[in-house]
Protein backbone atom coordinates (compact mmCIF):
# COMPACT_ATOMS: atom_id res chain seq x y z
CA UNK A 1 -24.63 20.19 23.81
CA UNK A 2 -21.84 22.00 22.71
CA UNK A 3 -19.71 18.77 22.32
CA UNK A 4 -22.07 17.36 20.83
CA UNK A 5 -22.46 19.76 18.31
CA UNK A 6 -18.36 19.64 17.46
CA UNK A 7 -18.49 16.20 17.14
CA UNK A 8 -21.00 16.38 14.96
CA UNK A 9 -19.75 18.83 13.34
CA UNK A 10 -16.35 17.17 12.54
CA UNK A 11 -18.10 14.05 11.41
CA UNK A 12 -20.38 16.01 8.84
CA UNK A 13 -17.05 17.91 7.59
CA UNK A 14 -15.03 14.67 7.80
CA UNK A 15 -17.69 12.43 5.39
CA UNK A 16 -18.39 15.41 3.34
CA UNK A 17 -14.70 15.77 2.42
CA UNK A 18 -14.71 12.00 1.70
CA UNK A 19 -17.50 12.18 -0.72
CA UNK A 20 -15.74 14.87 -2.60
CA UNK A 21 -13.09 12.73 -3.11
CA UNK A 22 -14.64 9.91 -3.79
CA UNK A 23 -17.09 11.82 -6.53
CA UNK A 24 -13.83 13.27 -7.96
CA UNK A 25 -11.49 9.91 -7.68
CA UNK A 26 -13.75 6.93 -8.20
CA UNK A 27 -13.93 5.35 -12.06
CA UNK A 28 -17.28 4.94 -14.29
CA UNK A 29 -18.96 2.44 -12.88
CA UNK A 30 -19.37 0.69 -16.33
CA UNK A 31 -15.60 0.56 -16.71
CA UNK A 32 -14.00 -2.17 -16.01
CA UNK A 33 -10.48 -2.84 -14.45
CA UNK A 34 -9.38 -4.33 -17.23
CA UNK A 35 -10.41 -2.11 -19.85
CA UNK A 36 -8.69 0.74 -17.44
CA UNK A 37 -5.36 -1.09 -17.84
CA UNK A 38 -5.81 -1.66 -21.84
CA UNK A 39 -6.58 2.37 -21.55
CA UNK A 40 -3.95 2.96 -19.88
CA UNK A 41 -1.51 0.95 -21.88
CA UNK A 42 -2.92 2.48 -25.05
CA UNK A 43 -2.56 5.91 -23.18
CA UNK A 44 1.30 5.30 -22.95
CA UNK A 45 1.93 3.69 -26.21
CA UNK A 46 0.17 6.93 -28.31
CA UNK A 47 2.32 9.45 -26.14
CA UNK A 48 5.71 7.27 -26.99
CA UNK A 49 4.49 7.55 -30.82
CA UNK A 50 4.57 11.22 -30.95
CA UNK A 51 7.40 13.22 -32.28
CA UNK A 52 9.64 15.61 -30.14
CA UNK A 53 9.01 18.81 -31.29
CA UNK A 54 8.99 22.35 -29.99
CA UNK A 55 5.92 24.13 -31.66
CA UNK A 56 3.76 25.54 -29.17
CA UNK A 57 0.78 25.11 -31.15
CA UNK A 58 1.16 21.32 -31.60
CA UNK A 59 1.82 20.89 -27.72
CA UNK A 60 -1.49 23.05 -27.09
CA UNK A 61 -3.46 20.34 -29.30
CA UNK A 62 -1.81 17.02 -28.00
CA UNK A 63 -2.52 18.95 -24.59
CA UNK A 64 -6.18 19.32 -25.75
CA UNK A 65 -6.50 15.71 -27.10
CA UNK A 66 -4.92 14.07 -24.40
CA UNK A 67 -6.84 16.35 -21.80
CA UNK A 68 -9.07 13.58 -20.20
CA UNK A 69 -6.51 12.43 -18.84
CA UNK A 70 -4.56 15.20 -17.63
CA UNK A 71 -7.15 17.38 -16.57
CA UNK A 72 -8.51 18.33 -12.87
CA UNK A 73 -8.39 14.60 -12.11
CA UNK A 74 -4.63 14.71 -12.11
CA UNK A 75 -4.29 17.21 -10.61
CA UNK A 76 -6.19 16.15 -7.49
CA UNK A 77 -4.84 12.98 -7.31
CA UNK A 78 -1.22 14.00 -7.78
CA UNK A 79 -0.78 14.71 -3.73
CA UNK A 80 -3.04 11.76 -2.38
CA UNK A 81 -1.70 8.36 -2.22
CA UNK A 82 -2.43 5.17 -4.53
CA UNK A 83 -5.01 3.78 -2.67
CA UNK A 84 -6.47 1.78 -5.99
CA UNK A 85 -2.37 0.52 -6.10
CA UNK A 86 -2.49 -0.20 -2.58
CA UNK A 87 -5.46 -2.09 -2.90
CA UNK A 88 -4.37 -4.36 -5.83
CA UNK A 89 -1.22 -4.82 -3.52
CA UNK A 90 -3.21 -6.41 -0.55
CA UNK A 91 -5.44 -8.30 -2.94
CA UNK A 92 -8.13 -6.93 -1.88
CA UNK A 93 -11.40 -6.69 -4.00
CA UNK A 94 -12.85 -3.64 -3.36
CA UNK A 95 -12.85 -0.34 -4.69
CA UNK A 96 -11.13 3.20 -2.93
CA UNK A 97 -14.62 4.44 -2.79
CA UNK A 98 -15.84 1.32 -0.53
CA UNK A 99 -12.84 1.29 1.44
CA UNK A 100 -13.26 4.85 2.18
CA UNK A 101 -16.60 4.90 3.13
CA UNK A 102 -15.66 2.19 5.48
CA UNK A 103 -13.23 4.26 7.01
CA UNK A 104 -15.54 6.86 7.28
CA UNK A 105 -18.45 4.44 8.87
CA UNK A 106 -15.95 3.39 11.46
CA UNK A 107 -15.27 7.10 12.51
CA UNK A 108 -19.11 7.92 12.87
CA UNK A 109 -19.03 4.85 14.74
CA UNK A 110 -16.51 5.45 16.89
CA UNK A 111 -17.96 9.22 17.77
CA UNK A 112 -21.13 7.72 18.33
CA UNK A 113 -20.10 4.91 20.61
CA UNK A 114 -19.01 7.70 22.95
CA UNK A 115 -22.07 9.69 22.44
CA UNK A 116 -23.95 6.57 23.69
CA UNK A 117 -21.71 5.96 26.43
CA UNK A 118 -20.45 7.75 29.84
CA UNK A 119 -17.04 8.20 27.99
CA UNK A 120 -16.31 11.98 27.86
CA UNK A 121 -16.87 13.85 24.56
CA UNK A 122 -14.01 15.31 24.14
CA UNK A 123 -12.68 11.28 23.58
CA UNK A 124 -15.07 11.00 20.27
CA UNK A 125 -12.78 11.84 17.89
CA UNK A 126 -9.98 10.20 19.09
CA UNK A 127 -11.82 6.95 19.25
CA UNK A 128 -13.35 7.73 15.73
CA UNK A 129 -9.68 7.75 14.67
CA UNK A 130 -8.97 4.26 16.38
CA UNK A 131 -11.52 3.06 14.95
CA UNK A 132 -10.67 4.24 11.42
CA UNK A 133 -7.05 2.80 11.81
CA UNK A 134 -8.66 -0.44 12.42
CA UNK A 135 -9.67 -1.14 8.55
CA UNK A 136 -6.45 0.65 7.12
CA UNK A 137 -4.21 -1.19 9.74
CA UNK A 138 -5.84 -4.54 8.64
CA UNK A 139 -5.11 -3.56 4.74
CA UNK A 140 -1.59 -2.71 5.43
CA UNK A 141 -1.11 -6.11 7.41
CA UNK A 142 -2.42 -8.26 4.20
CA UNK A 143 -0.44 -6.46 2.03
CA UNK A 144 2.74 -6.65 3.81
CA UNK A 145 1.46 -10.76 3.96
CA UNK A 146 1.40 -10.89 0.56
CA UNK A 147 4.33 -8.96 -0.06
CA UNK A 148 6.16 -11.40 1.89
CA UNK A 149 4.71 -14.45 0.05
CA UNK A 150 5.82 -12.88 -2.84
CA UNK A 151 9.60 -11.84 -1.72
CA UNK A 152 9.56 -15.82 -0.55
CA UNK A 153 8.28 -16.98 -3.73
CA UNK A 154 10.70 -15.51 -6.14
CA UNK A 155 13.78 -17.61 -5.50
CA UNK A 156 11.98 -20.61 -6.84
CA UNK A 157 10.11 -18.87 -10.03
CA UNK A 158 13.28 -17.82 -11.18
CA UNK A 159 14.92 -20.79 -10.87
CA UNK A 160 11.90 -22.30 -12.76
CA UNK A 161 12.77 -19.40 -15.36
CA UNK A 162 16.15 -20.70 -15.66
CA UNK A 163 15.34 -24.06 -15.94
CA UNK A 164 12.92 -23.38 -19.00
CA UNK A 165 15.07 -21.38 -20.47
CA UNK A 166 17.75 -23.61 -20.66
CA UNK A 167 15.11 -26.60 -21.68
CA UNK A 168 14.76 -24.30 -25.04
CA UNK A 169 12.06 -22.36 -24.09
CA UNK A 170 11.51 -18.26 -25.16
CA UNK A 171 10.89 -15.86 -22.26
CA UNK A 172 7.68 -15.14 -22.75
CA UNK A 173 6.56 -19.21 -22.25
CA UNK A 174 8.69 -18.99 -19.46
CA UNK A 175 6.27 -16.77 -17.94
CA UNK A 176 3.81 -18.73 -18.76
CA UNK A 177 5.34 -21.31 -17.10
CA UNK A 178 5.62 -19.89 -13.85
CA UNK A 179 1.92 -18.67 -13.92
CA UNK A 180 0.87 -22.02 -13.70
CA UNK A 181 3.56 -23.80 -12.00
CA UNK A 182 3.14 -21.41 -9.01
CA UNK A 183 0.97 -20.47 -6.15
CA UNK A 184 -0.36 -16.84 -6.30
CA UNK A 185 0.72 -14.10 -5.05
CA UNK A 186 3.98 -14.45 -7.61
CA UNK A 187 1.35 -16.74 -9.91
CA UNK A 188 -0.86 -14.01 -10.63
CA UNK A 189 1.24 -11.01 -11.32
CA UNK A 190 3.57 -12.97 -13.62
CA UNK A 191 0.36 -14.19 -15.49
CA UNK A 192 -0.47 -10.85 -15.56
CA UNK A 193 3.01 -10.32 -17.19
CA UNK A 194 2.43 -13.08 -19.81
CA UNK A 195 -1.40 -12.04 -20.47
CA UNK A 196 -0.09 -8.11 -21.65
CA UNK A 197 2.81 -9.91 -23.56
CA UNK A 198 -0.19 -11.75 -25.34
CA UNK A 199 -2.03 -7.98 -25.66
CA UNK A 200 0.83 -7.07 -27.83
CA UNK A 201 2.67 -4.88 -24.85
CA UNK A 202 6.32 -5.56 -25.37
CA UNK A 203 7.79 -7.79 -22.70
CA UNK A 204 10.77 -5.35 -21.33
CA UNK A 205 7.57 -2.85 -20.86
CA UNK A 206 5.48 -5.93 -19.36
CA UNK A 207 8.10 -6.36 -16.86
CA UNK A 208 8.94 -3.39 -15.93
CA UNK A 209 4.96 -2.68 -15.12
CA UNK A 210 5.49 -5.78 -13.14
CA UNK A 211 7.92 -4.25 -11.15
CA UNK A 212 6.02 -1.42 -10.00
CA UNK A 213 3.08 -2.93 -9.29
CA UNK A 214 5.19 -4.51 -6.45
CA UNK A 215 7.14 -2.48 -4.62
CA UNK A 216 9.91 -5.38 -4.06
CA UNK A 217 13.90 -5.14 -4.70
CA UNK A 218 14.82 -8.39 -5.97
CA UNK A 219 12.10 -7.77 -8.32
CA UNK A 220 13.60 -4.64 -9.27
CA UNK A 221 16.83 -6.46 -9.86
CA UNK A 222 15.23 -9.27 -11.54
CA UNK A 223 13.67 -6.76 -14.17
CA UNK A 224 17.01 -4.67 -14.53
CA UNK A 225 18.68 -7.88 -15.28
CA UNK A 226 16.52 -8.89 -18.07
CA UNK A 227 15.99 -6.10 -19.89
CA UNK A 228 20.07 -5.21 -19.51
CA UNK A 229 20.41 -8.87 -20.71
CA UNK A 230 18.14 -8.06 -23.86
CA UNK A 231 19.93 -4.52 -25.16
CA UNK A 232 23.57 -6.23 -24.24
CA UNK A 233 23.57 -9.83 -24.88
CA UNK A 234 24.82 -12.60 -22.39
CA UNK A 235 23.77 -16.12 -20.48
CA UNK A 236 20.30 -15.12 -18.99
CA UNK A 237 19.51 -18.45 -17.13
CA UNK A 238 23.03 -17.86 -15.11
CA UNK A 239 22.42 -14.75 -14.47
CA UNK A 240 18.82 -15.73 -13.13
CA UNK A 241 20.80 -18.84 -11.27
CA UNK A 242 22.99 -16.33 -9.47
CA UNK A 243 20.00 -13.79 -8.10
CA UNK A 244 18.19 -16.63 -7.10
CA UNK A 245 21.09 -17.44 -4.70
CA UNK A 246 21.31 -13.93 -3.75
CA UNK A 247 17.81 -13.17 -2.87
CA UNK A 248 18.06 -16.59 -0.65
CA UNK A 249 21.05 -15.74 1.08
CA UNK A 250 19.84 -12.67 1.52
CA UNK A 251 16.43 -14.01 3.26
CA UNK A 252 18.44 -16.42 5.24
CA UNK A 253 20.25 -12.84 6.95
CA UNK A 254 16.93 -11.39 7.32
CA UNK A 255 15.55 -14.22 9.19
CA UNK A 256 18.48 -14.40 11.91
CA UNK A 257 17.59 -11.03 12.36
CA UNK A 258 14.01 -11.20 12.81
CA UNK A 259 14.58 -13.85 15.64
CA UNK A 260 17.83 -12.11 17.38
CA UNK A 261 15.32 -9.05 17.39
CA UNK A 262 12.12 -10.86 18.74
CA UNK A 263 13.02 -10.01 21.80
CA UNK A 264 13.23 -6.13 21.41
CA UNK A 265 10.05 -5.92 18.96
CA UNK A 266 7.74 -8.02 22.27
CA UNK A 267 9.04 -5.45 24.19
CA UNK A 268 7.99 -2.48 22.13
CA UNK A 269 5.00 -4.31 22.41
CA UNK A 270 4.46 -4.08 25.69
CA UNK A 271 5.52 -0.96 26.90
CA UNK A 272 3.09 0.72 23.99
CA UNK A 273 -0.05 -0.75 24.70
CA UNK A 274 0.42 -0.92 28.15
CA UNK A 275 -0.41 3.27 28.75
CA UNK A 276 -3.84 2.76 26.95
CA UNK A 277 -4.71 -0.80 28.54
CA UNK A 278 -4.42 0.95 31.91
CA UNK A 279 -6.03 4.28 31.04
CA UNK A 280 -9.55 1.77 30.25
CA UNK A 281 -8.59 0.36 33.33
CA UNK A 282 -8.43 3.42 35.34
CA UNK A 283 -11.76 4.57 33.85
CA UNK A 284 -13.93 1.97 35.14
CA UNK A 285 -12.27 1.54 38.31
CA UNK A 286 -12.12 5.29 39.39
CA UNK A 287 -13.95 7.75 36.61
CA UNK A 288 -13.63 10.62 38.77
CA UNK A 289 -10.08 10.29 38.97
CA UNK A 290 -9.34 10.06 35.73
CA UNK A 291 -11.55 12.49 34.23
CA UNK A 292 -9.29 15.50 35.77
CA UNK A 293 -7.13 15.12 33.16
CA UNK A 294 -9.69 16.51 30.97
CA UNK A 295 -11.02 19.13 33.53
CA UNK A 296 -7.98 20.44 34.88
CA UNK A 297 -6.13 22.07 32.05
CA UNK A 298 -2.67 21.15 33.50
CA UNK A 299 -4.33 17.46 32.84
CA UNK A 300 -4.56 18.34 29.55
CA UNK A 301 -1.07 19.55 29.09
CA UNK A 302 -0.21 16.44 30.58
CA UNK A 303 -2.31 13.88 28.45
CA UNK A 304 -1.28 15.76 25.62
CA UNK A 305 2.85 15.09 26.60
CA UNK A 306 1.89 11.62 27.13
CA UNK A 307 0.49 11.11 23.57
CA UNK A 308 3.56 12.98 22.16
CA UNK A 309 5.65 10.62 24.09
CA UNK A 310 4.24 7.23 22.76
CA UNK A 311 4.40 8.79 19.46
CA UNK A 312 8.18 8.97 20.01
CA UNK A 313 8.57 6.27 21.84
CA UNK A 314 6.94 3.97 19.12
CA UNK A 315 9.05 6.06 16.53
CA UNK A 316 12.24 5.30 18.67
CA UNK A 317 11.43 1.60 19.37
CA UNK A 318 10.69 0.92 15.39
CA UNK A 319 13.94 1.92 14.70
CA UNK A 320 15.88 -0.47 17.09
CA UNK A 321 14.12 -2.90 15.72
CA UNK A 322 13.82 -2.17 11.96
CA UNK A 323 17.56 -3.58 10.32
CA UNK A 324 17.50 -3.53 6.60
CA UNK A 325 19.36 -6.29 4.64
């Protein structure tokens, strides 16, 4: 009975914390994403146009005017991950509050499964966290696939942009051409930058916003090259051709590395999956034998040590098979 009370208390505590965070972070239901973007751009432009001064009274006045944006919400979300940006990068049409609700439901569902099954109650929080990792892992995988596809499409987009410049089009028109002639996700991001320019945002800022939304090193090179060219001059078409060639060469080397490290990645997956699978099989074949790990103090230490070494092994394998290009 005490184990059930402990599990319920943990679940209620987690749900209460998440509910509080969602209530504080979630935007108002009558505010669309387009309005949020326009408000952020307007606020940034307003802050840029403010004169610099050392007068404390003026600073206090400005802070009071911007208090809606820099109040308790900023303090609360300062050290929290940008979940909305993460969902946007993965192209998942979910609000952060809904995704957090799904994670909490998975955690409580894992605890409930342990309560109605013959599994030990001590496994309830562990199973809950494992099920919570399923939507998080799905989101991370979807985000990674989208960013990888964006990186693969980028060289062709830069070549198309270079050809449009040689044909006499402006850089702004080239962004619109890339948005209409390419596929998602690259078409969406370039189209978004094109729309921002139509709303009156400078081209440099639109490119910076796109590079900030998409954490891609090659896109950052492109943004830096365009901004420098607009300030110092030069042949932008030739610069884009060289960046495109450099990206293609890097992707080719990255593909070779992925092929050479395929055996290590497969071995790591097998080694990391073997202990939990063997634990489940032994729990089914000999329940009392496995329960000694939970009943005996030495067994608990051995179980904790096994989990720690499992995590260390995963980190070491990840370091071995990960080669930056």
